[in-house]
Amino acid sequence: MITPLNQRPNFQANTLNKNGDTKVETQSKEVRTNENAKLKEIADAIANGTYQVDISKTARAVADALL
């Protein structure tokens, strides 16, 4: 006979690591903050007219993405 999981003695209802979840959430907030800062920096450079595109780097990135 198969017993349900909740009746087995080794079953743990909460198997998620709460500390690990918090750490991942904190890291994702830091990434979003960094991305927002980078985006603002690029937007400011475009507004000032000082933004320059590195064509060779962009071409390499596009080629890598396509291959």
N, C-alpha and C. Protein backbone atom coordinates (compact mmCIF):
# COMPACT_ATOMS: atom_id res chain seq x y z
N MET A 1 0.84 -1.18 0.00
CA MET A 1 0.00 0.00 0.00
C MET A 1 0.89 1.25 0.00
N ILE A 2 0.48 2.23 -0.73
CA ILE A 2 1.22 3.49 -0.81
C ILE A 2 0.64 4.45 0.21
N THR A 3 1.50 5.00 1.04
CA THR A 3 1.03 5.96 2.04
C THR A 3 1.24 7.37 1.51
N PRO A 4 0.34 8.27 1.81
CA PRO A 4 0.50 9.66 1.37
C PRO A 4 1.75 10.28 1.98
N LEU A 5 2.29 11.26 1.28
CA LEU A 5 3.52 11.91 1.74
C LEU A 5 3.39 12.53 3.12
N ASN A 6 2.23 13.11 3.40
CA ASN A 6 2.08 13.79 4.68
C ASN A 6 2.00 12.83 5.87
N GLN A 7 1.90 11.54 5.62
CA GLN A 7 1.87 10.57 6.71
C GLN A 7 3.21 9.86 6.89
N ARG A 8 4.14 10.12 6.04
CA ARG A 8 5.46 9.52 6.18
C ARG A 8 6.24 10.27 7.26
N PRO A 9 7.02 9.57 8.06
CA PRO A 9 7.73 10.23 9.15
C PRO A 9 8.83 11.18 8.71
N ASN A 10 9.42 10.99 7.53
CA ASN A 10 10.52 11.84 7.09
C ASN A 10 10.08 13.03 6.24
N PHE A 11 8.81 13.19 6.07
CA PHE A 11 8.29 14.28 5.25
C PHE A 11 8.42 15.61 5.97
N GLN A 12 8.92 16.61 5.28
CA GLN A 12 8.99 17.96 5.82
C GLN A 12 8.09 18.85 4.98
N ALA A 13 7.17 19.49 5.61
CA ALA A 13 6.21 20.31 4.89
C ALA A 13 6.88 21.49 4.20
N ASN A 14 7.85 22.11 4.84
CA ASN A 14 8.52 23.26 4.26
C ASN A 14 9.96 22.89 3.96
N THR A 15 10.24 22.59 2.71
CA THR A 15 11.59 22.19 2.35
C THR A 15 12.40 23.33 1.77
N LEU A 16 11.78 24.49 1.59
CA LEU A 16 12.51 25.63 1.05
C LEU A 16 13.38 26.26 2.13
N ASN A 17 14.52 26.72 1.71
CA ASN A 17 15.43 27.41 2.61
C ASN A 17 15.08 28.89 2.60
N LYS A 18 14.50 29.35 3.67
CA LYS A 18 14.07 30.75 3.72
C LYS A 18 15.24 31.70 3.56
N ASN A 19 16.38 31.40 4.17
CA ASN A 19 17.55 32.27 4.04
C ASN A 19 18.04 32.30 2.61
N GLY A 20 18.03 31.18 1.93
CA GLY A 20 18.45 31.12 0.53
C GLY A 20 17.53 31.93 -0.36
N ASP A 21 16.23 31.90 -0.08
CA ASP A 21 15.27 32.67 -0.86
C ASP A 21 15.52 34.16 -0.68
N THR A 22 15.81 34.59 0.52
CA THR A 22 16.07 35.99 0.80
C THR A 22 17.34 36.44 0.09
N LYS A 23 18.35 35.57 0.09
CA LYS A 23 19.62 35.90 -0.55
C LYS A 23 19.43 36.10 -2.05
N VAL A 24 18.66 35.22 -2.69
CA VAL A 24 18.38 35.33 -4.12
C VAL A 24 17.61 36.61 -4.41
N GLU A 25 16.64 36.92 -3.56
CA GLU A 25 15.85 38.13 -3.75
C GLU A 25 16.72 39.37 -3.63
N THR A 26 17.63 39.38 -2.67
CA THR A 26 18.54 40.51 -2.49
C THR A 26 19.44 40.66 -3.69
N GLN A 27 19.96 39.55 -4.20
CA GLN A 27 20.83 39.60 -5.37
C GLN A 27 20.08 40.12 -6.59
N SER A 28 18.83 39.72 -6.76
CA SER A 28 18.06 40.18 -7.92
C SER A 28 17.77 41.67 -7.81
N LYS A 29 17.55 42.17 -6.59
CA LYS A 29 17.35 43.61 -6.41
C LYS A 29 18.62 44.37 -6.75
N GLU A 30 19.78 43.82 -6.36
CA GLU A 30 21.05 44.47 -6.68
C GLU A 30 21.28 44.51 -8.18
N VAL A 31 20.94 43.44 -8.86
CA VAL A 31 21.11 43.38 -10.32
C VAL A 31 20.21 44.42 -10.98
N ARG A 32 18.95 44.51 -10.52
CA ARG A 32 18.04 45.49 -11.09
C ARG A 32 18.55 46.91 -10.83
N THR A 33 19.09 47.17 -9.66
CA THR A 33 19.62 48.49 -9.34
C THR A 33 20.78 48.82 -10.25
N ASN A 34 21.69 47.84 -10.46
CA ASN A 34 22.83 48.06 -11.33
C ASN A 34 22.39 48.30 -12.77
N GLU A 35 21.40 47.53 -13.22
CA GLU A 35 20.90 47.70 -14.59
C GLU A 35 20.24 49.06 -14.75
N ASN A 36 19.49 49.49 -13.74
CA ASN A 36 18.84 50.80 -13.82
C ASN A 36 19.87 51.92 -13.85
N ALA A 37 20.94 51.77 -13.06
CA ALA A 37 21.99 52.78 -13.04
C ALA A 37 22.69 52.85 -14.40
N LYS A 38 22.96 51.68 -14.97
CA LYS A 38 23.61 51.63 -16.29
C LYS A 38 22.71 52.25 -17.36
N LEU A 39 21.41 51.93 -17.29
CA LEU A 39 20.46 52.47 -18.25
C LEU A 39 20.37 53.99 -18.13
N LYS A 40 20.36 54.50 -16.91
CA LYS A 40 20.31 55.95 -16.70
C LYS A 40 21.56 56.61 -17.24
N GLU A 41 22.71 55.98 -17.03
CA GLU A 41 23.98 56.52 -17.52
C GLU A 41 23.96 56.60 -19.05
N ILE A 42 23.46 55.56 -19.71
CA ILE A 42 23.38 55.55 -21.17
C ILE A 42 22.39 56.60 -21.66
N ALA A 43 21.25 56.71 -20.99
CA ALA A 43 20.24 57.71 -21.38
C ALA A 43 20.79 59.12 -21.24
N ASP A 44 21.53 59.38 -20.18
CA ASP A 44 22.14 60.70 -19.99
C ASP A 44 23.17 60.99 -21.09
N ALA A 45 23.97 59.97 -21.44
CA ALA A 45 24.97 60.15 -22.49
C ALA A 45 24.30 60.42 -23.84
N ILE A 46 23.19 59.76 -24.11
CA ILE A 46 22.46 60.01 -25.37
C ILE A 46 21.89 61.41 -25.36
N ALA A 47 21.34 61.83 -24.22
CA ALA A 47 20.76 63.17 -24.12
C ALA A 47 21.83 64.26 -24.29
N ASN A 48 23.03 64.00 -23.77
CA ASN A 48 24.13 64.97 -23.89
C ASN A 48 24.78 64.95 -25.26
N GLY A 49 24.56 63.87 -26.00
CA GLY A 49 25.19 63.74 -27.30
C GLY A 49 26.59 63.17 -27.21
N THR A 50 26.95 62.58 -26.07
CA THR A 50 28.29 62.03 -25.89
C THR A 50 28.34 60.52 -26.01
N TYR A 51 27.19 59.88 -26.28
CA TYR A 51 27.15 58.42 -26.37
C TYR A 51 27.80 57.96 -27.66
N GLN A 52 28.71 57.00 -27.56
CA GLN A 52 29.38 56.45 -28.73
C GLN A 52 29.17 54.95 -28.78
N VAL A 53 28.97 54.43 -29.97
CA VAL A 53 28.76 53.00 -30.16
C VAL A 53 30.06 52.39 -30.64
N ASP A 54 30.49 51.31 -29.98
CA ASP A 54 31.66 50.57 -30.41
C ASP A 54 31.20 49.54 -31.43
N ILE A 55 31.37 49.88 -32.71
CA ILE A 55 30.83 49.05 -33.79
C ILE A 55 31.43 47.65 -33.80
N SER A 56 32.73 47.52 -33.58
CA SER A 56 33.35 46.19 -33.63
C SER A 56 32.85 45.31 -32.49
N LYS A 57 32.70 45.88 -31.31
CA LYS A 57 32.19 45.12 -30.17
C LYS A 57 30.73 44.71 -30.41
N THR A 58 29.94 45.62 -30.94
CA THR A 58 28.55 45.32 -31.23
C THR A 58 28.43 44.25 -32.31
N ALA A 59 29.25 44.36 -33.35
CA ALA A 59 29.23 43.36 -34.42
C ALA A 59 29.62 41.98 -33.89
N ARG A 60 30.63 41.93 -33.02
CA ARG A 60 31.04 40.64 -32.43
C ARG A 60 29.92 40.05 -31.59
N ALA A 61 29.24 40.87 -30.81
CA ALA A 61 28.15 40.40 -29.96
C ALA A 61 26.99 39.87 -30.81
N VAL A 62 26.68 40.55 -31.90
CA VAL A 62 25.61 40.11 -32.78
C VAL A 62 25.99 38.80 -33.45
N ALA A 63 27.23 38.69 -33.91
CA ALA A 63 27.69 37.46 -34.56
C ALA A 63 27.66 36.29 -33.57
N ASP A 64 28.09 36.52 -32.34
CA ASP A 64 28.06 35.46 -31.31
C ASP A 64 26.63 35.03 -31.04
N ALA A 65 25.71 35.98 -31.01
CA ALA A 65 24.31 35.65 -30.73
C ALA A 65 23.70 34.84 -31.88
N LEU A 66 24.11 35.14 -33.10
CA LEU A 66 23.57 34.44 -34.26
C LEU A 66 24.17 33.05 -34.43
N LEU A 67 25.41 32.88 -34.00
CA LEU A 67 26.07 31.58 -34.15
C LEU A 67 25.76 30.77 -32.98
